[in-house]
Every structure is written in C-alpha cells, then in structure tokens.
Amino acid sequence: YTMSYWLIVPAAGKGKRFGGQLPKQYLSLGQSTVMQTTLNRLSTLSEITQIIVPIHPEDDIAQTLTYQNPEKIRFVTGGAERADSVLAGLEAIKTQTKPDDWVLVHDVARPCVRLADIRLMFTQLATDTVGGILAAPVRDTIKQSADNGENHIIATVPRQQLWQAFTPQMFRFDVIYQALTQALLQNHLVTDEASAVELLGLKPRLITGALDNLKITYPEDLLLAEFLIRQQTT
C-alpha cells in the first residue's frame, strides 16, 4: 500500500500578537492574501491527498477567497488553541487514514516555505516511525535575561545544539493523534506539534530547512515575505 500525506494548516487564530482587527492570514501579500499564498503554494504538492484548514467558527472570509486548487482544500471548524485546531483536523480525516499515514502541520503565516524542503522531509523521514520537523541551527549568540523584567543578561546560552523550529512538522497519524490528545488531557500548553510528541517520550528528527521560511508575526514581516517570494521565483 502507498503512504498518504495529509496536510493540516491551522488558521483559527485571531492574530492576537499582530494588532489590528483582521487576523494576519487575511492581510494582503502581493496580489493576494497570506492565506491564499500559503495554501496555493502547498496545494501544488502532488503528493498531498488533502489540505485541511481549521478555521474560527465565526470566520466568514476563508471560504470566499479563490484558491488555485480548491478541490484539494477542506475547511473545518477549529478550536480555541492551536492543538485543538490540529486535533479537529485529525478528527476530520480519521476515518480515511491509516495509522502510519503522514500528517504535516504547517503555519498559515509561513507563506515562503520551499516545496523542495517539504520533499526533503518526505525523503529523509521515509522510514522513520515517529517523524520530524523543518528547523535550522541557531546562528546568533543567544542571551538569557533575568526574569525581573529589567533585561539584564544573566547567561550566554551555548548554541551548538540549539535549533530554531519551523513548520511543516510531520508525524505518523497515530503518533500525532495520541500526542495531542494526551497533551490536552494533561493541560499541557504545547506551542508546536513536536513538543506534544516529545511529551510521549519520543524524539522527532530535525531536518535542516531554508532560513527564508519566515513566520509572519509583525506587520513589517509582510514586506519581507513579499521580497522573499519574489527572490524565490526569479
């Protein structure tokens, strides 16, 4: 039997950190929006069976936008936190998947992800029983501050073994399903899928990805993302 790849792109957030009323996935990026750019890029991956997009129950924008391959995209109702949304996505495909199918989770706010990096994950993790994430070794010197709010340096953290986590994060269906279910039951606030998998005592692999896999967090990131996408296509 052939392995299926499923992709979940949680987009139920209100864009709290960004400021402004419009969730960041609907901000303009070039001629379209962040969400369209991300989903259009991902939908060109022929290996992917379906892209599941958990959205906010009151979201009235997502399904009115046009997409390059709309037949590949399925919207479902997301949850309060990222883990709830990803779990909602997993529930939506549960009956169609096999336990060792691959599930990739990608940030909607990462429109610059390189398809070559995703295909690298497919290759490098092919025989892995757990999965792994796109990441890059930390290049800057990392400082730790005192927790009194005064921002004095208390330590320089050795960076040799430190990595910056990106998405996609890719795991076997039963691994990620079990990990997120457990994390929610135990009230662990997990900021990415890998940390939920780590809580099961498993060790996801780190796959080195391109540094231009920018996460749009602040308004000025939009211009940078636009620039990076132009560079990638020329």
Protein backbone atom coordinates (compact mmCIF):
# COMPACT_ATOMS: atom_id res chain seq x y z
CA TYR A 1 0.00 0.00 0.00
CA THR A 2 1.21 3.52 -0.64
CA MET A 3 1.68 6.05 2.09
CA SER A 4 -0.71 9.01 2.08
CA TYR A 5 0.31 12.53 3.07
CA TRP A 6 -2.24 14.81 4.73
CA LEU A 7 -1.67 18.46 5.48
CA ILE A 8 -3.26 20.48 8.28
CA VAL A 9 -2.96 24.26 8.24
CA PRO A 10 -4.45 25.65 11.47
CA ALA A 11 -5.95 29.08 10.79
CA ALA A 12 -8.42 29.58 13.62
CA GLY A 13 -6.36 32.22 15.40
CA LYS A 14 -7.46 35.81 15.83
CA GLY A 15 -3.94 37.08 15.18
CA LYS A 16 -3.57 38.38 18.75
CA ARG A 17 0.09 39.37 18.53
CA PHE A 18 -0.30 41.24 15.28
CA GLY A 19 -2.58 44.01 16.50
CA GLY A 20 -5.36 45.24 14.24
CA GLN A 21 -8.75 43.64 13.75
CA LEU A 22 -8.07 41.41 10.77
CA PRO A 23 -6.41 38.05 11.50
CA LYS A 24 -2.96 38.08 9.93
CA GLN A 25 -3.77 35.33 7.44
CA TYR A 26 -6.10 37.77 5.64
CA LEU A 27 -3.63 40.61 5.29
CA SER A 28 -2.51 41.49 1.78
CA LEU A 29 0.60 39.82 0.45
CA GLY A 30 1.41 40.93 -3.09
CA GLN A 31 -1.71 40.45 -5.20
CA SER A 32 -3.48 38.17 -2.74
CA THR A 33 -3.56 37.32 0.98
CA VAL A 34 -1.18 35.46 3.28
CA MET A 35 -3.60 32.52 3.45
CA GLN A 36 -4.06 32.25 -0.30
CA THR A 37 -0.32 32.45 -0.88
CA THR A 38 0.37 29.68 1.65
CA LEU A 39 -2.44 27.36 0.52
CA ASN A 40 -1.78 27.91 -3.18
CA ARG A 41 1.86 27.00 -2.72
CA LEU A 42 1.11 23.89 -0.66
CA SER A 43 -1.65 22.72 -2.99
CA THR A 44 0.86 22.29 -5.82
CA LEU A 45 2.44 19.37 -3.92
CA SER A 46 1.15 16.40 -5.91
CA GLU A 47 1.97 14.03 -3.03
CA ILE A 48 -0.61 15.62 -0.71
CA THR A 49 -4.03 13.92 -0.57
CA GLN A 50 -5.86 16.81 1.06
CA ILE A 51 -5.24 20.08 2.89
CA ILE A 52 -7.41 20.51 5.99
CA VAL A 53 -7.81 24.10 7.18
CA PRO A 54 -9.33 24.51 10.67
CA ILE A 55 -10.84 28.00 10.87
CA HIS A 56 -12.57 30.07 13.54
CA PRO A 57 -16.31 29.26 13.85
CA GLU A 58 -17.14 32.90 13.02
CA ASP A 59 -14.71 33.13 10.08
CA ASP A 60 -16.61 34.45 7.07
CA ILE A 61 -13.60 35.16 4.85
CA ALA A 62 -11.71 31.89 4.31
CA GLN A 63 -14.28 30.23 2.10
CA THR A 64 -14.99 33.31 -0.01
CA LEU A 65 -11.41 33.57 -1.28
CA THR A 66 -10.28 31.93 -4.51
CA TYR A 67 -7.65 29.20 -4.45
CA GLN A 68 -5.58 27.59 -7.19
CA ASN A 69 -6.60 24.02 -6.37
CA PRO A 70 -9.82 24.38 -4.35
CA GLU A 71 -10.67 20.68 -4.73
CA LYS A 72 -7.67 19.86 -2.53
CA ILE A 73 -8.72 22.17 0.32
CA ARG A 74 -11.24 21.32 3.02
CA PHE A 75 -12.30 23.78 5.73
CA VAL A 76 -13.29 22.51 9.17
CA THR A 77 -14.12 24.27 12.45
CA GLY A 78 -11.02 24.88 14.55
CA GLY A 79 -10.65 25.23 18.31
CA ALA A 80 -9.51 27.68 20.97
CA GLU A 81 -5.81 26.80 20.83
CA ARG A 82 -3.54 25.54 18.10
CA ALA A 83 -3.58 21.97 19.47
CA ASP A 84 -7.40 21.96 19.48
CA SER A 85 -7.44 23.04 15.85
CA VAL A 86 -4.92 20.45 14.73
CA LEU A 87 -6.88 17.78 16.60
CA ALA A 88 -10.06 18.95 14.87
CA GLY A 89 -8.22 18.50 11.57
CA LEU A 90 -7.13 14.99 12.58
CA GLU A 91 -10.68 14.07 13.61
CA ALA A 92 -11.90 15.23 10.18
CA ILE A 93 -9.68 12.73 8.35
CA LYS A 94 -9.58 9.94 10.95
CA THR A 95 -11.81 7.54 9.02
CA GLN A 96 -9.82 7.98 5.79
CA THR A 97 -6.34 7.50 7.21
CA LYS A 98 -4.13 4.58 8.14
CA PRO A 99 -2.18 4.75 11.44
CA ASP A 100 1.16 5.23 9.70
CA ASP A 101 -0.01 7.77 7.13
CA TRP A 102 1.91 11.03 7.33
CA VAL A 103 0.35 14.22 8.68
CA LEU A 104 2.11 17.53 8.08
CA VAL A 105 1.14 20.58 10.11
CA HIS A 106 2.09 23.95 8.67
CA ASP A 107 1.66 27.53 9.91
CA VAL A 108 -0.70 29.54 7.71
CA ALA A 109 1.61 32.51 8.41
CA ARG A 110 4.58 30.82 6.69
CA PRO A 111 3.90 31.56 3.01
CA CYS A 112 7.56 31.30 1.93
CA VAL A 113 8.14 27.63 2.75
CA ARG A 114 10.12 25.91 -0.02
CA LEU A 115 8.48 22.88 -1.60
CA ALA A 116 11.97 21.38 -2.01
CA ASP A 117 12.30 21.40 1.80
CA ILE A 118 8.99 19.58 2.19
CA ARG A 119 10.08 16.97 -0.35
CA LEU A 120 13.34 16.64 1.59
CA MET A 121 11.23 15.75 4.64
CA PHE A 122 9.39 13.09 2.62
CA THR A 123 12.72 11.52 1.66
CA GLN A 124 14.62 11.83 4.93
CA LEU A 125 11.74 10.64 7.13
CA ALA A 126 10.50 7.89 4.79
CA THR A 127 11.46 5.04 7.14
CA ASP A 128 11.09 6.95 10.41
CA THR A 129 8.45 5.62 12.79
CA VAL A 130 7.87 8.97 14.53
CA GLY A 131 8.54 11.95 12.24
CA GLY A 132 10.37 15.24 12.34
CA ILE A 133 10.30 18.95 11.74
CA LEU A 134 11.91 21.53 9.49
CA ALA A 135 14.39 23.57 11.51
CA ALA A 136 17.66 25.47 11.29
CA PRO A 137 20.65 25.59 13.64
CA VAL A 138 20.66 28.84 15.64
CA ARG A 139 23.26 31.25 14.22
CA ASP A 140 23.09 34.19 16.61
CA THR A 141 24.61 34.35 20.07
CA ILE A 142 21.78 33.65 22.49
CA LYS A 143 21.49 35.56 25.77
CA GLN A 144 19.34 34.73 28.76
CA SER A 145 17.91 37.57 30.81
CA ALA A 146 16.95 37.81 34.46
CA ASP A 147 13.22 37.34 34.97
CA ASN A 148 12.78 40.62 36.87
CA GLY A 149 11.78 42.49 33.72
CA GLU A 150 14.94 44.60 33.70
CA ASN A 151 16.58 42.77 30.80
CA HIS A 152 20.00 42.26 32.32
CA ILE A 153 21.99 39.36 30.88
CA ILE A 154 22.45 36.51 33.32
CA ALA A 155 23.90 33.96 30.91
CA THR A 156 25.09 33.29 27.39
CA VAL A 157 23.45 30.07 26.21
CA PRO A 158 25.75 27.75 24.21
CA ARG A 159 24.13 27.47 20.79
CA GLN A 160 25.89 24.35 19.44
CA GLN A 161 22.85 22.15 19.97
CA LEU A 162 20.13 24.77 19.61
CA TRP A 163 17.76 24.77 16.64
CA GLN A 164 15.03 27.16 15.54
CA ALA A 165 11.82 25.22 14.85
CA PHE A 166 9.93 25.83 11.60
CA THR A 167 6.96 24.13 10.00
CA PRO A 168 5.90 21.85 8.43
CA GLN A 169 6.16 19.37 11.27
CA MET A 170 5.48 15.86 10.01
CA PHE A 171 4.38 12.85 12.04
CA ARG A 172 2.70 9.48 11.63
CA PHE A 173 -1.06 9.86 12.10
CA ASP A 174 -1.30 7.72 15.24
CA VAL A 175 1.74 9.44 16.81
CA ILE A 176 0.42 12.98 16.43
CA TYR A 177 -3.15 11.99 17.30
CA GLN A 178 -2.03 10.33 20.52
CA ALA A 179 0.39 13.16 21.35
CA LEU A 180 -2.15 15.96 21.02
CA THR A 181 -4.92 14.01 22.77
CA GLN A 182 -2.60 13.35 25.73
CA ALA A 183 -1.30 16.93 25.84
CA LEU A 184 -4.84 18.32 26.00
CA LEU A 185 -5.93 15.79 28.63
CA GLN A 186 -2.97 16.79 30.80
CA ASN A 187 -3.47 20.52 30.19
CA HIS A 188 -0.05 20.98 28.61
CA LEU A 189 0.02 24.13 26.53
CA VAL A 190 2.00 22.99 23.51
CA THR A 191 3.18 25.65 21.09
CA ASP A 192 4.11 23.19 18.37
CA GLU A 193 3.32 19.59 17.47
CA ALA A 194 6.84 18.33 18.16
CA SER A 195 6.63 19.33 21.83
CA ALA A 196 3.46 17.23 22.21
CA VAL A 197 5.24 14.28 20.59
CA GLU A 198 8.25 14.85 22.89
CA LEU A 199 5.92 14.57 25.90
CA LEU A 200 5.24 10.97 24.81
CA GLY A 201 8.96 10.34 25.25
CA LEU A 202 9.59 10.22 21.51
CA LYS A 203 12.41 12.05 19.70
CA PRO A 204 11.40 13.77 16.44
CA ARG A 205 14.15 14.32 13.86
CA LEU A 206 15.44 17.74 12.83
CA ILE A 207 15.54 18.30 9.07
CA THR A 208 17.56 21.36 8.02
CA GLY A 209 15.40 23.77 6.05
CA ALA A 210 15.99 27.09 4.31
CA LEU A 211 16.17 30.17 6.55
CA ASP A 212 13.71 32.11 4.38
CA ASN A 213 10.82 30.07 5.85
CA LEU A 214 9.65 33.27 7.56
CA LYS A 215 6.76 33.33 10.01
CA ILE A 216 4.71 36.49 9.63
CA THR A 217 4.40 37.82 13.19
CA TYR A 218 4.64 41.60 12.86
CA PRO A 219 3.30 43.96 10.16
CA GLU A 220 6.80 44.66 8.78
CA ASP A 221 7.18 40.92 8.07
CA LEU A 222 4.72 41.28 5.18
CA LEU A 223 7.16 43.33 3.12
CA LEU A 224 9.94 40.89 3.84
CA ALA A 225 7.75 37.93 2.85
CA GLU A 226 6.84 39.68 -0.41
CA PHE A 227 10.53 40.26 -1.13
CA LEU A 228 11.47 36.64 -0.32
CA ILE A 229 8.73 35.23 -2.56
CA ARG A 230 9.93 37.44 -5.44
CA GLN A 231 13.50 36.22 -4.90
CA GLN A 232 12.39 32.60 -4.85
CA THR A 233 10.52 32.83 -8.14
CA THR A 234 13.21 34.66 -10.08
